[in-house]
Amino acid sequence: MTKKKTLRPEIERFKHILIEAYQRGEFSANITAKDMVRELAHQLKPIFKGDNHK
């Protein structure tokens, strides 16, 4: 159960990033899928590295 508590903040951050990216893509006709994926990868990098301070 300790592992679940440890992952919770990362999961919440991940959900927030995905929702934000979806909304940005929905409201912007100028963003390409490539740009969206690149930005998503940049934002998710700290989560997968275990850096929660950014």
Protein backbone atom coordinates (compact mmCIF):
# COMPACT_ATOMS: atom_id res chain seq x y z
CA MET A 1 0.00 0.00 0.00
CA THR A 2 2.96 2.31 0.48
CA LYS A 3 3.71 2.13 -3.23
CA LYS A 4 0.14 3.25 -4.03
CA LYS A 5 0.53 6.33 -1.85
CA THR A 6 3.88 7.10 -3.47
CA LEU A 7 2.46 6.90 -7.00
CA ARG A 8 -0.64 8.98 -6.28
CA PRO A 9 0.94 12.45 -6.83
CA GLU A 10 2.52 11.30 -10.09
CA ILE A 11 -0.81 9.93 -11.33
CA GLU A 12 -2.61 13.16 -10.47
CA ARG A 13 0.08 15.23 -12.24
CA PHE A 14 -0.09 12.93 -15.27
CA LYS A 15 -3.89 13.33 -15.48
CA HIS A 16 -3.59 17.10 -15.18
CA ILE A 17 -1.00 17.27 -17.98
CA LEU A 18 -3.14 15.10 -20.28
CA ILE A 19 -6.28 17.15 -19.67
CA GLU A 20 -4.37 20.39 -20.25
CA ALA A 21 -2.89 19.07 -23.51
CA TYR A 22 -6.29 17.90 -24.72
CA GLN A 23 -7.89 21.27 -23.98
CA ARG A 24 -5.04 23.17 -25.63
CA GLY A 25 -5.30 21.03 -28.76
CA GLU A 26 -9.07 21.40 -28.86
CA PHE A 27 -8.96 25.20 -28.69
CA SER A 28 -6.00 25.75 -31.01
CA ALA A 29 -6.22 25.07 -34.71
CA ASN A 30 -2.50 25.83 -35.12
CA ILE A 31 -1.03 23.07 -32.93
CA THR A 32 0.09 19.93 -34.71
CA ALA A 33 0.03 16.43 -33.22
CA LYS A 34 3.84 16.43 -33.33
CA ASP A 35 4.01 19.67 -31.33
CA MET A 36 1.49 18.35 -28.81
CA VAL A 37 3.40 15.09 -28.31
CA ARG A 38 6.71 16.96 -27.98
CA GLU A 39 5.26 19.27 -25.33
CA LEU A 40 3.63 16.34 -23.51
CA ALA A 41 6.92 14.44 -23.46
CA HIS A 42 8.71 17.51 -22.09
CA GLN A 43 6.15 17.90 -19.29
CA LEU A 44 6.08 14.19 -18.43
CA LYS A 45 9.86 13.77 -18.34
CA PRO A 46 10.19 14.81 -14.65
CA ILE A 47 7.47 12.37 -13.62
CA PHE A 48 9.20 9.41 -15.20
CA LYS A 49 12.56 10.48 -13.80
CA GLY A 50 11.04 10.69 -10.32
CA ASP A 51 11.58 14.44 -10.02
CA ASN A 52 8.48 15.88 -8.37
CA HIS A 53 9.97 19.29 -7.65
CA LYS A 54 9.34 20.84 -11.09
